[in-house]
Amino acid sequence: MGRELFVGVAECTAGGAEAVLATLGLGSCVAVILFDPDRRIGGMAHVLLPSRSLSRATDNPGRFPQTALPLLVDRMLALGADRRGLTARLVGGASMFANLAPSGSMQMGDRNVIAVREVLNQLAIPIVGEEVGGNVGRSVWFTVGTGQVEVKTAGRREQIL
């Protein structure tokens, strides 16, 4: 196993083949995993909210997909990634408290997933795998050297994306 780097809420981290990027306890947040398979460079963003309009604290670009994902791409390019080869995988976006929300309202997890997809589309980065939605928390480990993304969900078998 390589050097494990934990990606906290509203953080973006990039690394080379020796890195294992991990984030724990995803609820409505979305982990966006970007990967350049040819150069074995990867990155992870732990997106908190779908837009700046939902937060008083807008100084941290890692909170929102509109700022976190371009920042993550820039960090990966600085390590030698080729933008044209990037792919994305998404984990999280659960509706943890759906029973507390008014019927028919869109949950924060769903809103996060939609916002992340929109930004990835704008950046022309294809989504090649995802484990999103539902009502359970998840943790994820991304082994950059192999490109493997392991998702652990409470009460379920681990899944490889």
N, C-alpha and C. Protein backbone atom coordinates (compact mmCIF):
# COMPACT_ATOMS: atom_id res chain seq x y z
N MET A 1 0.84 -1.18 0.00
CA MET A 1 0.00 0.00 0.00
C MET A 1 0.88 1.24 0.00
N GLY A 2 0.44 2.25 -0.73
CA GLY A 2 1.22 3.48 -0.85
C GLY A 2 0.99 4.43 0.31
N ARG A 3 1.37 5.64 0.08
CA ARG A 3 1.25 6.71 1.07
C ARG A 3 -0.21 7.15 1.13
N GLU A 4 -0.88 6.92 2.28
CA GLU A 4 -2.29 7.24 2.42
C GLU A 4 -2.46 8.71 2.79
N LEU A 5 -3.24 9.41 1.98
CA LEU A 5 -3.54 10.82 2.20
C LEU A 5 -5.04 10.96 2.41
N PHE A 6 -5.45 11.49 3.56
CA PHE A 6 -6.87 11.66 3.83
C PHE A 6 -7.33 13.00 3.29
N VAL A 7 -8.45 12.97 2.60
CA VAL A 7 -9.04 14.16 2.01
C VAL A 7 -10.25 14.52 2.88
N GLY A 8 -10.14 15.63 3.59
CA GLY A 8 -11.21 16.06 4.48
C GLY A 8 -12.31 16.78 3.73
N VAL A 9 -13.36 17.10 4.44
CA VAL A 9 -14.48 17.84 3.86
C VAL A 9 -13.96 19.15 3.28
N ALA A 10 -14.37 19.45 2.06
CA ALA A 10 -14.02 20.67 1.35
C ALA A 10 -12.53 20.76 1.03
N GLU A 11 -11.87 19.62 0.87
CA GLU A 11 -10.46 19.58 0.50
C GLU A 11 -10.29 18.93 -0.87
N CYS A 12 -9.19 19.27 -1.55
CA CYS A 12 -8.80 18.68 -2.83
C CYS A 12 -7.35 18.24 -2.71
N THR A 13 -7.08 17.00 -3.09
CA THR A 13 -5.71 16.49 -3.01
C THR A 13 -5.39 15.73 -4.28
N ALA A 14 -4.18 15.92 -4.79
CA ALA A 14 -3.71 15.18 -5.96
C ALA A 14 -2.42 14.45 -5.60
N GLY A 15 -2.17 13.35 -6.30
CA GLY A 15 -0.96 12.59 -6.02
C GLY A 15 -0.58 11.69 -7.18
N GLY A 16 0.63 11.19 -7.09
CA GLY A 16 1.15 10.27 -8.09
C GLY A 16 0.88 8.83 -7.74
N ALA A 17 1.55 7.94 -8.44
CA ALA A 17 1.30 6.50 -8.34
C ALA A 17 1.47 5.94 -6.93
N GLU A 18 2.27 6.60 -6.10
CA GLU A 18 2.51 6.09 -4.74
C GLU A 18 1.38 6.42 -3.78
N ALA A 19 0.46 7.27 -4.18
CA ALA A 19 -0.57 7.78 -3.26
C ALA A 19 -1.80 6.88 -3.19
N VAL A 20 -2.38 6.84 -1.99
CA VAL A 20 -3.72 6.29 -1.77
C VAL A 20 -4.52 7.43 -1.16
N LEU A 21 -5.51 7.91 -1.91
CA LEU A 21 -6.34 9.01 -1.46
C LEU A 21 -7.60 8.44 -0.83
N ALA A 22 -7.96 8.93 0.35
CA ALA A 22 -9.10 8.36 1.06
C ALA A 22 -9.94 9.46 1.69
N THR A 23 -11.23 9.21 1.74
CA THR A 23 -12.12 10.07 2.51
C THR A 23 -13.14 9.18 3.20
N LEU A 24 -13.47 9.56 4.40
CA LEU A 24 -14.31 8.72 5.26
C LEU A 24 -15.63 9.40 5.57
N GLY A 25 -16.67 8.62 5.70
CA GLY A 25 -17.95 9.11 6.20
C GLY A 25 -18.68 10.04 5.26
N LEU A 26 -18.67 9.76 3.96
CA LEU A 26 -19.44 10.57 3.02
C LEU A 26 -20.93 10.37 3.27
N GLY A 27 -21.65 11.46 3.44
CA GLY A 27 -23.11 11.41 3.50
C GLY A 27 -23.63 12.06 2.25
N SER A 28 -24.13 13.29 2.38
CA SER A 28 -24.62 14.02 1.21
C SER A 28 -23.48 14.60 0.39
N CYS A 29 -22.28 14.67 0.96
CA CYS A 29 -21.11 15.14 0.21
C CYS A 29 -20.79 14.17 -0.93
N VAL A 30 -20.05 14.66 -1.92
CA VAL A 30 -19.64 13.82 -3.04
C VAL A 30 -18.12 13.84 -3.15
N ALA A 31 -17.53 12.65 -3.19
CA ALA A 31 -16.11 12.52 -3.51
C ALA A 31 -16.01 12.40 -5.02
N VAL A 32 -15.23 13.30 -5.60
CA VAL A 32 -14.98 13.26 -7.04
C VAL A 32 -13.55 12.78 -7.22
N ILE A 33 -13.40 11.64 -7.88
CA ILE A 33 -12.10 11.04 -8.10
C ILE A 33 -11.73 11.25 -9.56
N LEU A 34 -10.65 11.97 -9.80
CA LEU A 34 -10.15 12.18 -11.16
C LEU A 34 -8.89 11.36 -11.35
N PHE A 35 -8.72 10.83 -12.58
CA PHE A 35 -7.60 9.92 -12.83
C PHE A 35 -7.10 10.10 -14.25
N ASP A 36 -5.77 10.16 -14.37
CA ASP A 36 -5.09 10.09 -15.66
C ASP A 36 -4.41 8.73 -15.69
N PRO A 37 -5.04 7.73 -16.34
CA PRO A 37 -4.49 6.37 -16.29
C PRO A 37 -3.14 6.21 -16.98
N ASP A 38 -2.86 7.01 -18.00
CA ASP A 38 -1.58 6.88 -18.71
C ASP A 38 -0.41 7.34 -17.87
N ARG A 39 -0.61 8.38 -17.08
CA ARG A 39 0.47 8.94 -16.27
C ARG A 39 0.39 8.54 -14.79
N ARG A 40 -0.67 7.82 -14.43
CA ARG A 40 -0.87 7.36 -13.05
C ARG A 40 -0.85 8.54 -12.08
N ILE A 41 -1.65 9.55 -12.41
CA ILE A 41 -1.83 10.72 -11.55
C ILE A 41 -3.31 10.81 -11.23
N GLY A 42 -3.61 11.00 -9.96
CA GLY A 42 -5.00 11.04 -9.55
C GLY A 42 -5.27 12.15 -8.57
N GLY A 43 -6.53 12.38 -8.34
CA GLY A 43 -6.93 13.40 -7.38
C GLY A 43 -8.30 13.12 -6.84
N MET A 44 -8.57 13.72 -5.69
CA MET A 44 -9.88 13.57 -5.05
C MET A 44 -10.31 14.90 -4.46
N ALA A 45 -11.57 15.25 -4.72
CA ALA A 45 -12.18 16.43 -4.10
C ALA A 45 -13.36 15.94 -3.26
N HIS A 46 -13.51 16.49 -2.07
CA HIS A 46 -14.62 16.15 -1.16
C HIS A 46 -15.56 17.37 -1.16
N VAL A 47 -16.52 17.36 -2.08
CA VAL A 47 -17.42 18.48 -2.31
C VAL A 47 -18.53 18.49 -1.26
N LEU A 48 -18.72 19.65 -0.64
CA LEU A 48 -19.68 19.80 0.45
C LEU A 48 -21.05 20.28 0.00
N LEU A 49 -21.08 21.31 -0.84
CA LEU A 49 -22.34 21.95 -1.23
C LEU A 49 -22.41 22.15 -2.74
N PRO A 50 -23.63 22.16 -3.31
CA PRO A 50 -23.77 22.28 -4.76
C PRO A 50 -23.48 23.68 -5.32
N SER A 51 -23.54 24.73 -4.49
CA SER A 51 -23.24 26.07 -5.01
C SER A 51 -22.87 27.02 -3.87
N ARG A 52 -22.19 28.09 -4.25
CA ARG A 52 -21.76 29.11 -3.28
C ARG A 52 -22.95 29.79 -2.61
N SER A 53 -24.08 29.85 -3.30
CA SER A 53 -25.25 30.56 -2.77
C SER A 53 -25.80 29.90 -1.49
N LEU A 54 -25.37 28.68 -1.21
CA LEU A 54 -25.88 27.96 -0.04
C LEU A 54 -24.98 28.09 1.18
N SER A 55 -23.95 28.93 1.09
CA SER A 55 -23.00 29.03 2.19
C SER A 55 -22.61 30.48 2.46
N ARG A 56 -22.49 30.79 3.73
CA ARG A 56 -21.95 32.11 4.10
C ARG A 56 -20.44 32.13 3.92
N ALA A 57 -19.82 30.99 4.16
CA ALA A 57 -18.36 30.87 4.03
C ALA A 57 -18.03 30.42 2.60
N THR A 58 -17.59 31.36 1.80
CA THR A 58 -17.29 31.04 0.39
C THR A 58 -15.81 31.14 0.07
N ASP A 59 -14.98 31.29 1.11
CA ASP A 59 -13.55 31.48 0.88
C ASP A 59 -12.79 30.20 0.56
N ASN A 60 -13.37 29.04 0.86
CA ASN A 60 -12.69 27.78 0.60
C ASN A 60 -13.18 27.21 -0.73
N PRO A 61 -12.35 27.20 -1.77
CA PRO A 61 -12.79 26.70 -3.07
C PRO A 61 -13.12 25.21 -3.08
N GLY A 62 -12.63 24.46 -2.10
CA GLY A 62 -12.91 23.03 -2.05
C GLY A 62 -14.34 22.67 -1.68
N ARG A 63 -15.11 23.62 -1.21
CA ARG A 63 -16.49 23.36 -0.80
C ARG A 63 -17.45 23.07 -1.95
N PHE A 64 -17.20 23.69 -3.11
CA PHE A 64 -18.17 23.72 -4.20
C PHE A 64 -17.59 23.12 -5.47
N PRO A 65 -18.39 22.38 -6.24
CA PRO A 65 -17.84 21.76 -7.44
C PRO A 65 -17.35 22.77 -8.48
N GLN A 66 -17.98 23.93 -8.55
CA GLN A 66 -17.60 24.94 -9.55
C GLN A 66 -16.18 25.45 -9.34
N THR A 67 -15.69 25.40 -8.11
CA THR A 67 -14.34 25.86 -7.82
C THR A 67 -13.40 24.70 -7.47
N ALA A 68 -13.92 23.66 -6.82
CA ALA A 68 -13.08 22.54 -6.40
C ALA A 68 -12.54 21.75 -7.59
N LEU A 69 -13.38 21.50 -8.59
CA LEU A 69 -12.93 20.64 -9.68
C LEU A 69 -11.90 21.31 -10.58
N PRO A 70 -12.06 22.58 -10.96
CA PRO A 70 -10.96 23.23 -11.70
C PRO A 70 -9.66 23.28 -10.89
N LEU A 71 -9.78 23.51 -9.57
CA LEU A 71 -8.59 23.52 -8.71
C LEU A 71 -7.92 22.16 -8.71
N LEU A 72 -8.70 21.10 -8.60
CA LEU A 72 -8.14 19.75 -8.61
C LEU A 72 -7.47 19.45 -9.95
N VAL A 73 -8.11 19.82 -11.04
CA VAL A 73 -7.50 19.62 -12.37
C VAL A 73 -6.17 20.35 -12.44
N ASP A 74 -6.11 21.59 -11.98
CA ASP A 74 -4.86 22.36 -11.99
C ASP A 74 -3.77 21.66 -11.18
N ARG A 75 -4.14 21.13 -10.01
CA ARG A 75 -3.15 20.43 -9.18
C ARG A 75 -2.63 19.17 -9.87
N MET A 76 -3.51 18.47 -10.58
CA MET A 76 -3.09 17.28 -11.30
C MET A 76 -2.20 17.63 -12.49
N LEU A 77 -2.55 18.71 -13.20
CA LEU A 77 -1.72 19.15 -14.33
C LEU A 77 -0.33 19.54 -13.85
N ALA A 78 -0.24 20.15 -12.67
CA ALA A 78 1.05 20.53 -12.11
C ALA A 78 1.92 19.31 -11.82
N LEU A 79 1.29 18.15 -11.61
CA LEU A 79 2.03 16.91 -11.38
C LEU A 79 2.36 16.18 -12.68
N GLY A 80 1.86 16.72 -13.82
CA GLY A 80 2.16 16.12 -15.11
C GLY A 80 1.01 15.41 -15.80
N ALA A 81 -0.20 15.52 -15.26
CA ALA A 81 -1.36 14.88 -15.89
C ALA A 81 -1.67 15.54 -17.23
N ASP A 82 -2.29 14.77 -18.11
CA ASP A 82 -2.77 15.27 -19.39
C ASP A 82 -4.28 15.44 -19.28
N ARG A 83 -4.73 16.68 -19.42
CA ARG A 83 -6.14 17.01 -19.24
C ARG A 83 -7.05 16.16 -20.14
N ARG A 84 -6.58 15.85 -21.35
CA ARG A 84 -7.39 15.11 -22.32
C ARG A 84 -7.65 13.67 -21.90
N GLY A 85 -6.83 13.14 -20.99
CA GLY A 85 -6.99 11.75 -20.58
C GLY A 85 -7.73 11.56 -19.27
N LEU A 86 -8.19 12.64 -18.66
CA LEU A 86 -8.82 12.53 -17.34
C LEU A 86 -10.19 11.86 -17.41
N THR A 87 -10.44 11.01 -16.42
CA THR A 87 -11.76 10.41 -16.23
C THR A 87 -12.18 10.67 -14.79
N ALA A 88 -13.48 10.53 -14.55
CA ALA A 88 -14.02 10.80 -13.21
C ALA A 88 -14.85 9.63 -12.71
N ARG A 89 -14.82 9.48 -11.39
CA ARG A 89 -15.72 8.56 -10.69
C ARG A 89 -16.30 9.34 -9.52
N LEU A 90 -17.56 9.06 -9.19
CA LEU A 90 -18.27 9.78 -8.14
C LEU A 90 -18.73 8.82 -7.06
N VAL A 91 -18.59 9.25 -5.81
CA VAL A 91 -19.05 8.45 -4.67
C VAL A 91 -19.72 9.39 -3.68
N GLY A 92 -20.86 8.96 -3.15
CA GLY A 92 -21.55 9.74 -2.11
C GLY A 92 -22.89 10.26 -2.60
N GLY A 93 -23.23 11.46 -2.15
CA GLY A 93 -24.48 12.07 -2.56
C GLY A 93 -25.71 11.39 -1.99
N ALA A 94 -25.58 10.84 -0.79
CA ALA A 94 -26.71 10.15 -0.16
C ALA A 94 -27.72 11.16 0.40
N SER A 95 -28.93 10.70 0.54
CA SER A 95 -29.98 11.48 1.20
C SER A 95 -30.11 10.93 2.61
N MET A 96 -29.31 11.47 3.50
CA MET A 96 -29.18 10.92 4.84
C MET A 96 -30.41 11.20 5.72
N PHE A 97 -31.12 12.26 5.43
CA PHE A 97 -32.25 12.65 6.29
C PHE A 97 -33.51 12.87 5.47
N ALA A 98 -33.73 12.03 4.47
CA ALA A 98 -34.86 12.20 3.57
C ALA A 98 -36.19 12.21 4.32
N ASN A 99 -36.27 11.46 5.40
CA ASN A 99 -37.54 11.38 6.15
C ASN A 99 -37.86 12.68 6.87
N LEU A 100 -36.90 13.59 7.01
CA LEU A 100 -37.13 14.87 7.68
C LEU A 100 -37.50 15.99 6.72
N ALA A 101 -37.33 15.76 5.43
CA ALA A 101 -37.57 16.80 4.43
C ALA A 101 -39.01 16.76 3.94
N PRO A 102 -39.52 17.89 3.47
CA PRO A 102 -40.87 17.90 2.90
C PRO A 102 -40.95 16.96 1.70
N SER A 103 -42.08 16.32 1.54
CA SER A 103 -42.28 15.39 0.44
C SER A 103 -42.07 16.09 -0.90
N GLY A 104 -41.33 15.44 -1.78
CA GLY A 104 -41.09 15.97 -3.11
C GLY A 104 -39.92 16.93 -3.22
N SER A 105 -39.30 17.30 -2.09
CA SER A 105 -38.17 18.23 -2.16
C SER A 105 -36.90 17.49 -2.58
N MET A 106 -36.01 18.20 -3.27
CA MET A 106 -34.75 17.59 -3.70
C MET A 106 -33.76 17.63 -2.55
N GLN A 107 -33.19 16.48 -2.25
CA GLN A 107 -32.25 16.35 -1.15
C GLN A 107 -30.88 16.93 -1.52
N MET A 108 -30.12 17.32 -0.49
CA MET A 108 -28.80 17.91 -0.70
C MET A 108 -27.88 16.95 -1.44
N GLY A 109 -27.92 15.67 -1.13
CA GLY A 109 -27.08 14.71 -1.83
C GLY A 109 -27.35 14.69 -3.32
N ASP A 110 -28.64 14.69 -3.69
CA ASP A 110 -29.02 14.72 -5.11
C ASP A 110 -28.53 16.01 -5.76
N ARG A 111 -28.69 17.12 -5.06
CA ARG A 111 -28.26 18.41 -5.60
C ARG A 111 -26.74 18.43 -5.81
N ASN A 112 -26.00 17.84 -4.87
CA ASN A 112 -24.54 17.76 -5.02
C ASN A 112 -24.15 16.94 -6.25
N VAL A 113 -24.78 15.80 -6.43
CA VAL A 113 -24.46 14.94 -7.57
C VAL A 113 -24.75 15.67 -8.89
N ILE A 114 -25.90 16.31 -8.98
CA ILE A 114 -26.26 17.05 -10.20
C ILE A 114 -25.25 18.15 -10.48
N ALA A 115 -24.87 18.91 -9.45
CA ALA A 115 -23.92 20.01 -9.63
C ALA A 115 -22.55 19.48 -10.08
N VAL A 116 -22.10 18.39 -9.48
CA VAL A 116 -20.81 17.80 -9.87
C VAL A 116 -20.86 17.34 -11.32
N ARG A 117 -21.94 16.67 -11.70
CA ARG A 117 -22.07 16.20 -13.09
C ARG A 117 -22.03 17.37 -14.07
N GLU A 118 -22.70 18.47 -13.73
CA GLU A 118 -22.71 19.65 -14.61
C GLU A 118 -21.30 20.21 -14.80
N VAL A 119 -20.55 20.31 -13.71
CA VAL A 119 -19.19 20.86 -13.81
C VAL A 119 -18.30 19.91 -14.60
N LEU A 120 -18.39 18.62 -14.37
CA LEU A 120 -17.58 17.67 -15.14
C LEU A 120 -17.93 17.74 -16.62
N ASN A 121 -19.20 17.92 -16.93
CA ASN A 121 -19.61 18.07 -18.33
C ASN A 121 -18.98 19.33 -18.93
N GLN A 122 -19.00 20.43 -18.20
CA GLN A 122 -18.40 21.68 -18.68
C GLN A 122 -16.89 21.51 -18.89
N LEU A 123 -16.25 20.72 -18.06
CA LEU A 123 -14.81 20.47 -18.16
C LEU A 123 -14.48 19.37 -19.17
N ALA A 124 -15.51 18.75 -19.76
CA ALA A 124 -15.34 17.65 -20.73
C ALA A 124 -14.58 16.47 -20.13
N ILE A 125 -14.90 16.14 -18.87
CA ILE A 125 -14.30 15.00 -18.20
C ILE A 125 -15.38 13.93 -18.06
N PRO A 126 -15.23 12.79 -18.74
CA PRO A 126 -16.27 11.75 -18.69
C PRO A 126 -16.31 11.03 -17.34
N ILE A 127 -17.52 10.69 -16.92
CA ILE A 127 -17.73 9.89 -15.71
C ILE A 127 -17.72 8.43 -16.13
N VAL A 128 -16.82 7.65 -15.54
CA VAL A 128 -16.67 6.25 -15.93
C VAL A 128 -17.18 5.29 -14.86
N GLY A 129 -17.58 5.82 -13.70
CA GLY A 129 -18.12 4.97 -12.65
C GLY A 129 -18.69 5.82 -11.54
N GLU A 130 -19.69 5.27 -10.87
CA GLU A 130 -20.24 6.00 -9.73
C GLU A 130 -20.98 5.08 -8.78
N GLU A 131 -20.99 5.49 -7.53
CA GLU A 131 -21.75 4.83 -6.46
C GLU A 131 -22.34 6.00 -5.67
N VAL A 132 -23.52 6.45 -6.11
CA VAL A 132 -24.13 7.65 -5.55
C VAL A 132 -25.59 7.39 -5.17
N GLY A 133 -26.11 8.32 -4.35
CA GLY A 133 -27.52 8.27 -3.97
C GLY A 133 -27.75 7.34 -2.80
N GLY A 134 -28.99 6.92 -2.67
CA GLY A 134 -29.36 6.06 -1.56
C GLY A 134 -29.45 6.84 -0.26
N ASN A 135 -29.40 6.12 0.84
CA ASN A 135 -29.53 6.77 2.15
C ASN A 135 -28.51 6.26 3.16
N VAL A 136 -27.36 5.81 2.66
CA VAL A 136 -26.31 5.30 3.54
C VAL A 136 -24.99 6.02 3.30
N GLY A 137 -24.19 6.11 4.36
CA GLY A 137 -22.88 6.73 4.26
C GLY A 137 -21.87 5.80 3.61
N ARG A 138 -20.83 6.39 3.07
CA ARG A 138 -19.79 5.62 2.39
C ARG A 138 -18.42 6.18 2.72
N SER A 139 -17.41 5.33 2.60
CA SER A 139 -16.01 5.74 2.66
C SER A 139 -15.34 5.22 1.40
N VAL A 140 -14.29 5.91 0.95
CA VAL A 140 -13.68 5.54 -0.32
C VAL A 140 -12.16 5.64 -0.23
N TRP A 141 -11.48 4.68 -0.90
CA TRP A 141 -10.02 4.66 -1.02
C TRP A 141 -9.68 4.54 -2.49
N PHE A 142 -8.82 5.43 -2.95
CA PHE A 142 -8.40 5.46 -4.35
C PHE A 142 -6.90 5.19 -4.41
N THR A 143 -6.51 4.03 -4.93
CA THR A 143 -5.11 3.67 -5.09
C THR A 143 -4.67 4.17 -6.47
N VAL A 144 -3.95 5.26 -6.49
CA VAL A 144 -3.62 5.92 -7.75
C VAL A 144 -2.79 5.03 -8.66
N GLY A 145 -1.84 4.29 -8.12
CA GLY A 145 -0.97 3.45 -8.94
C GLY A 145 -1.71 2.42 -9.76
N THR A 146 -2.81 1.89 -9.24
CA THR A 146 -3.58 0.88 -9.96
C THR A 146 -4.87 1.44 -10.55
N GLY A 147 -5.27 2.62 -10.08
CA GLY A 147 -6.52 3.21 -10.54
C GLY A 147 -7.74 2.65 -9.84
N GLN A 148 -7.54 1.79 -8.87
CA GLN A 148 -8.67 1.14 -8.18
C GLN A 148 -9.33 2.07 -7.17
N VAL A 149 -10.65 2.10 -7.23
CA VAL A 149 -11.45 2.86 -6.27
C VAL A 149 -12.29 1.86 -5.49
N GLU A 150 -12.05 1.81 -4.18
CA GLU A 150 -12.75 0.88 -3.29
C GLU A 150 -13.74 1.68 -2.44
N VAL A 151 -15.00 1.26 -2.48
CA VAL A 151 -16.06 1.94 -1.74
C VAL A 151 -16.58 1.00 -0.66
N LYS A 152 -16.58 1.49 0.56
CA LYS A 152 -17.14 0.72 1.67
C LYS A 152 -18.40 1.42 2.15
N THR A 153 -19.47 0.65 2.23
CA THR A 153 -20.77 1.17 2.64
C THR A 153 -21.23 0.37 3.85
N ALA A 154 -21.75 1.05 4.83
CA ALA A 154 -22.23 0.39 6.05
C ALA A 154 -23.24 -0.69 5.69
N GLY A 155 -23.01 -1.89 6.21
CA GLY A 155 -23.94 -2.99 6.02
C GLY A 155 -23.90 -3.66 4.67
N ARG A 156 -22.94 -3.32 3.83
CA ARG A 156 -22.84 -3.92 2.50
C ARG A 156 -21.41 -4.37 2.22
N ARG A 157 -21.27 -5.22 1.20
CA ARG A 157 -19.92 -5.64 0.79
C ARG A 157 -19.23 -4.46 0.12
N GLU A 158 -17.91 -4.44 0.23
CA GLU A 158 -17.17 -3.37 -0.44
C GLU A 158 -17.34 -3.52 -1.95
N GLN A 159 -17.24 -2.40 -2.63
CA GLN A 159 -17.43 -2.37 -4.08
C GLN A 159 -16.20 -1.73 -4.72
N ILE A 160 -15.81 -2.25 -5.88
CA ILE A 160 -14.70 -1.68 -6.63
C ILE A 160 -15.32 -0.98 -7.83
N LEU A 161 -14.99 0.32 -7.99
CA LEU A 161 -15.49 1.11 -9.13
C LEU A 161 -14.46 1.10 -10.25
